[in-house]
Amino acid sequence: MKKSLILYLLGTFIFIIGFFFQIKLLGKVFINDEYKREPRNWYSSIMKNLDQPDSLKIASLDQINTIVIKGSTNFNIIRILFNKENNFRINKNGRNYAYKREIINDTLFIPINNDAVHEFIIHLKNDHEPNIILDNCWANIQMESVNSNSVNNPKIHLKNKSYAIISKSNNDDDLKINTLNLIADSKSTFSLSDITANKLNAKLDNGMIDYYKECDIDSIQAELIGLSHIRGLKNEGKFKDIKLSGDLSYYNSHP
């Protein structure tokens, strides 16, 4: 058998094996470490470094001041980790996967669907405070600080019938937030189930906050518009300061 034919057959075999290997692993990046996020193998390294609209590359947040997640009523998980990095990625079914994204000026738009439960992992430097907007989304938002037991001023905005539970991560029971900034409008609701903070600063426009006794927040300042309410607030008497403004008729007429 001629050498050229042997090389041709060998090349064809390698191509076929590589093709099926790629299809099997398409859209998967395996990571060794949660915080360093180094690729586990050569294929993961290649996929991680792709830079296409649907790429698996971890998106930098250095120039991003607003993150918009839109379009899923599945109960997604959003993990906000305060450390020494500014980046964003999505896990799906336990693996990193390709997602659509669009950047306009300083805003990152992430459209998603209901095909699976997504895990959004947002790494933020402690001095970087982008607005996180959920538009018609449901989520369990978990906060964690890698470098210390406190974080500064996370800003979260719910729009268009969004719903979010905000809690500390199971890995960070001692987390304390300086000021938690919340906006809820268009029949959106926050549920504060296990949060320790110096201050809650809220603006509700036909929005709700469910405040549970597991929370430990020193002071609350909130502006209420329309059919807005902070349910459970009247049952708690341990605040240092409460200032409510705006239209309080709905709040005063409901428990």
Protein backbone atom coordinates (compact mmCIF):
# COMPACT_ATOMS: atom_id res chain seq x y z
CA MET A 1 0.00 0.00 0.00
CA LYS A 2 1.39 3.35 -1.01
CA LYS A 3 2.49 5.73 1.74
CA SER A 4 0.18 8.46 0.42
CA LEU A 5 -2.83 6.14 0.68
CA ILE A 6 -1.92 5.17 4.24
CA LEU A 7 -1.64 8.82 5.21
CA TYR A 8 -4.96 9.57 3.52
CA LEU A 9 -6.74 6.74 5.38
CA LEU A 10 -5.14 7.73 8.67
CA GLY A 11 -6.17 11.35 8.19
CA THR A 12 -9.75 10.34 7.35
CA PHE A 13 -9.92 8.16 10.47
CA ILE A 14 -8.64 10.97 12.69
CA PHE A 15 -11.13 13.41 11.14
CA ILE A 16 -14.08 11.07 11.76
CA ILE A 17 -13.05 10.40 15.37
CA GLY A 18 -12.49 14.10 15.95
CA PHE A 19 -15.86 15.01 14.41
CA PHE A 20 -17.86 12.69 16.64
CA PHE A 21 -15.78 13.68 19.66
CA GLN A 22 -16.55 17.33 18.97
CA ILE A 23 -20.27 16.71 18.53
CA LYS A 24 -20.40 14.80 21.81
CA LEU A 25 -18.68 17.59 23.71
CA LEU A 26 -20.04 20.57 21.79
CA GLY A 27 -21.04 23.32 24.18
CA LYS A 28 -19.27 21.83 27.19
CA VAL A 29 -16.37 23.31 29.11
CA PHE A 30 -15.12 21.27 32.05
CA ILE A 31 -13.58 23.31 34.85
CA ASN A 32 -11.14 22.08 37.51
CA ASP A 33 -11.70 24.71 40.18
CA GLU A 34 -14.76 26.83 41.05
CA TYR A 35 -12.80 30.04 41.58
CA LYS A 36 -9.76 29.67 39.29
CA ARG A 37 -11.94 28.08 36.57
CA GLU A 38 -9.02 26.56 34.67
CA PRO A 39 -10.08 24.23 31.83
CA ARG A 40 -9.75 20.55 32.65
CA ASN A 41 -8.61 19.45 29.20
CA TRP A 42 -7.44 20.78 25.82
CA TYR A 43 -10.93 20.80 24.31
CA SER A 44 -12.33 22.83 27.21
CA SER A 45 -9.44 25.27 26.81
CA ILE A 46 -10.26 25.80 23.13
CA MET A 47 -13.99 26.23 23.79
CA LYS A 48 -13.39 28.60 26.69
CA ASN A 49 -11.31 30.92 24.50
CA LEU A 50 -13.74 31.18 21.62
CA ASP A 51 -14.98 34.72 21.03
CA GLN A 52 -18.21 34.49 19.05
CA PRO A 53 -21.74 35.75 19.84
CA ASP A 54 -22.76 32.28 21.07
CA SER A 55 -19.41 31.47 22.59
CA LEU A 56 -18.56 29.74 25.82
CA LYS A 57 -15.99 32.35 26.70
CA ILE A 58 -16.50 33.86 30.15
CA ALA A 59 -17.73 37.40 29.58
CA SER A 60 -15.72 40.19 31.20
CA LEU A 61 -17.72 42.69 33.24
CA ASP A 62 -14.97 45.29 33.58
CA GLN A 63 -16.78 47.79 31.33
CA ILE A 64 -20.32 46.60 32.14
CA ASN A 65 -22.54 48.69 34.41
CA THR A 66 -25.85 46.88 33.72
CA ILE A 67 -26.65 43.17 33.32
CA VAL A 68 -30.10 42.34 31.90
CA ILE A 69 -31.38 38.75 32.11
CA LYS A 70 -34.63 38.34 30.22
CA GLY A 71 -37.27 35.82 29.40
CA SER A 72 -37.40 32.73 31.65
CA THR A 73 -40.01 31.79 34.25
CA ASN A 74 -38.05 28.73 35.31
CA PHE A 75 -36.67 29.09 38.82
CA ASN A 76 -33.10 29.91 37.81
CA ILE A 77 -30.18 30.32 40.19
CA ILE A 78 -28.11 33.50 40.22
CA ARG A 79 -24.92 33.34 42.26
CA ILE A 80 -23.23 36.65 42.98
CA LEU A 81 -19.70 36.12 44.25
CA PHE A 82 -17.74 39.14 45.44
CA ASN A 83 -14.02 38.54 44.91
CA LYS A 84 -11.15 39.91 42.80
CA GLU A 85 -12.67 39.39 39.35
CA ASN A 86 -15.40 40.83 37.13
CA ASN A 87 -16.87 38.17 34.88
CA PHE A 88 -20.01 36.29 33.96
CA ARG A 89 -20.85 32.78 32.82
CA ILE A 90 -23.83 30.42 32.70
CA ASN A 91 -24.05 26.78 33.73
CA LYS A 92 -26.75 24.54 32.31
CA ASN A 93 -27.28 20.97 33.47
CA GLY A 94 -24.09 21.28 35.51
CA ARG A 95 -21.82 22.40 32.64
CA ASN A 96 -20.70 25.66 31.11
CA TYR A 97 -22.52 26.19 27.85
CA ALA A 98 -22.84 28.60 24.96
CA TYR A 99 -25.31 31.42 25.42
CA LYS A 100 -26.46 34.33 23.34
CA ARG A 101 -25.40 37.75 24.49
CA GLU A 102 -25.43 41.30 23.23
CA ILE A 103 -23.46 44.26 24.52
CA ILE A 104 -24.79 47.75 23.88
CA ASN A 105 -22.62 50.51 25.33
CA ASP A 106 -22.15 49.44 28.97
CA THR A 107 -25.10 46.99 29.11
CA LEU A 108 -24.90 43.21 28.76
CA PHE A 109 -28.16 41.59 27.54
CA ILE A 110 -28.74 37.86 28.15
CA PRO A 111 -31.93 36.39 26.59
CA ILE A 112 -32.81 32.93 27.89
CA ASN A 113 -35.66 30.44 27.60
CA ASN A 114 -37.39 27.74 29.62
CA ASP A 115 -35.55 24.73 28.20
CA ALA A 116 -33.67 24.12 31.48
CA VAL A 117 -32.76 25.59 34.84
CA HIS A 118 -29.85 27.96 34.36
CA GLU A 119 -27.18 28.87 36.89
CA PHE A 120 -25.86 32.38 36.34
CA ILE A 121 -22.50 32.94 38.01
CA ILE A 122 -21.54 36.60 38.42
CA HIS A 123 -18.11 37.41 39.84
CA LEU A 124 -17.73 41.02 40.99
CA LYS A 125 -14.92 43.00 42.49
CA ASN A 126 -16.08 44.49 45.75
CA ASP A 127 -15.90 48.02 44.33
CA HIS A 128 -17.82 47.15 41.13
CA GLU A 129 -21.58 47.53 41.54
CA PRO A 130 -23.44 46.96 38.24
CA ASN A 131 -27.22 47.03 38.08
CA ILE A 132 -28.62 43.50 37.78
CA ILE A 133 -32.01 43.56 36.04
CA LEU A 134 -34.38 40.59 35.78
CA ASP A 135 -37.02 41.13 33.10
CA ASN A 136 -39.87 38.60 33.28
CA CYS A 137 -37.65 36.13 35.16
CA TRP A 138 -37.84 34.01 38.28
CA ALA A 139 -34.67 33.38 40.25
CA ASN A 140 -33.07 32.35 43.50
CA ILE A 141 -30.33 34.93 44.08
CA GLN A 142 -27.51 33.78 46.37
CA MET A 143 -24.75 36.10 47.54
CA GLU A 144 -21.30 35.14 48.70
CA SER A 145 -18.07 36.99 49.49
CA VAL A 146 -14.84 35.16 48.75
CA ASN A 147 -12.45 37.66 50.32
CA SER A 148 -14.27 38.95 53.41
CA ASN A 149 -17.49 38.69 55.40
CA SER A 150 -19.02 41.84 53.95
CA VAL A 151 -20.00 43.30 50.58
CA ASN A 152 -20.90 46.81 49.52
CA ASN A 153 -24.05 47.78 47.66
CA PRO A 154 -25.61 45.19 45.31
CA LYS A 155 -28.29 46.65 43.03
CA ILE A 156 -31.11 44.41 41.79
CA HIS A 157 -34.12 45.48 39.70
CA LEU A 158 -37.15 43.29 38.97
CA LYS A 159 -39.35 44.13 35.95
CA ASN A 160 -42.46 42.69 34.29
CA LYS A 161 -43.77 40.21 36.87
CA SER A 162 -40.36 38.96 37.91
CA TYR A 163 -39.86 37.12 41.19
CA ALA A 164 -36.64 36.67 43.16
CA ILE A 165 -35.67 35.12 46.46
CA ILE A 166 -32.55 36.76 47.90
CA SER A 167 -30.49 34.85 50.44
CA LYS A 168 -26.96 34.22 51.61
CA SER A 169 -25.06 31.39 50.01
CA ASN A 170 -24.79 28.17 51.98
CA ASN A 171 -21.03 28.72 51.77
CA ASP A 172 -21.18 32.11 53.50
CA ASP A 173 -23.46 32.16 56.52
CA ASP A 174 -21.65 35.19 57.98
CA LEU A 175 -22.16 37.47 54.97
CA LYS A 176 -23.21 41.04 55.77
CA ILE A 177 -24.27 43.56 53.13
CA ASN A 178 -23.66 47.26 53.56
CA THR A 179 -26.66 48.57 51.55
CA LEU A 180 -29.01 46.30 49.59
CA ASN A 181 -30.60 48.33 46.78
CA LEU A 182 -33.84 46.87 45.38
CA ILE A 183 -36.29 48.08 42.74
CA ALA A 184 -39.49 46.18 41.92
CA ASP A 185 -42.12 47.31 39.44
CA SER A 186 -44.81 45.92 37.13
CA LYS A 187 -46.15 43.37 39.66
CA SER A 188 -42.72 42.04 40.59
CA THR A 189 -41.85 40.62 44.02
CA PHE A 190 -38.74 40.18 46.16
CA SER A 191 -38.63 37.59 48.91
CA LEU A 192 -35.98 38.32 51.55
CA SER A 193 -35.50 35.07 53.37
CA ASP A 194 -32.08 35.15 55.00
CA ILE A 195 -30.19 38.42 54.64
CA THR A 196 -28.03 40.42 57.05
CA ALA A 197 -27.52 44.06 56.05
CA ASN A 198 -26.90 47.47 57.50
CA LYS A 199 -29.54 49.04 55.26
CA LEU A 200 -32.26 48.18 52.76
CA ASN A 201 -32.92 50.88 50.18
CA ALA A 202 -36.00 50.06 48.08
CA LYS A 203 -38.23 51.60 45.43
CA LEU A 204 -41.51 49.80 44.71
CA ASP A 205 -43.83 50.79 41.85
CA ASN A 206 -46.70 48.29 41.94
CA GLY A 207 -44.17 45.91 43.45
CA MET A 208 -43.81 43.86 46.63
CA ILE A 209 -41.22 42.79 49.14
CA ASP A 210 -41.89 39.82 51.42
CA TYR A 211 -39.80 40.36 54.55
CA TYR A 212 -39.27 37.27 56.71
CA LYS A 213 -38.19 37.16 60.32
CA GLU A 214 -34.95 35.33 59.40
CA CYS A 215 -33.68 38.64 57.98
CA ASP A 216 -31.51 40.94 60.06
CA ILE A 217 -31.53 44.45 58.56
CA ASP A 218 -30.79 47.47 60.74
CA SER A 219 -32.60 50.21 58.81
CA ILE A 220 -35.03 50.45 55.92
CA GLN A 221 -35.74 53.31 53.55
CA ALA A 222 -38.39 52.69 50.89
CA GLU A 223 -40.45 54.65 48.39
CA LEU A 224 -43.84 53.09 47.60
CA ILE A 225 -45.88 53.90 44.49
CA GLY A 226 -49.30 52.51 43.56
CA LEU A 227 -50.20 49.02 44.85
CA SER A 228 -46.90 48.47 46.63
CA HIS A 229 -46.24 46.80 49.95
CA ILE A 230 -43.53 45.39 52.21
CA ARG A 231 -45.32 42.43 53.71
CA GLY A 232 -44.15 41.26 57.12
CA LEU A 233 -42.52 44.57 57.98
CA LYS A 234 -45.20 45.51 60.51
CA ASN A 235 -44.56 42.33 62.47
CA GLU A 236 -40.88 43.13 63.04
CA GLY A 237 -39.92 45.71 65.67
CA LYS A 238 -36.13 45.44 65.87
CA PHE A 239 -35.12 48.04 63.30
CA LYS A 240 -32.94 51.01 64.18
CA ASP A 241 -34.74 53.18 61.64
CA ILE A 242 -37.62 52.89 59.14
CA LYS A 243 -38.47 55.61 56.63
CA LEU A 244 -41.32 55.02 54.19
CA SER A 245 -42.35 57.62 51.63
CA GLY A 246 -44.61 57.98 48.61
CA ASP A 247 -48.15 56.59 48.38
CA LEU A 248 -48.64 54.57 51.59
CA SER A 249 -52.41 54.01 51.25
CA TYR A 250 -52.07 50.40 50.06
CA TYR A 251 -49.37 49.67 52.65
CA ASN A 252 -51.45 51.09 55.51
CA SER A 253 -54.59 49.19 54.52
CA HIS A 254 -52.92 45.76 54.43
CA PRO A 255 -51.26 43.69 57.15
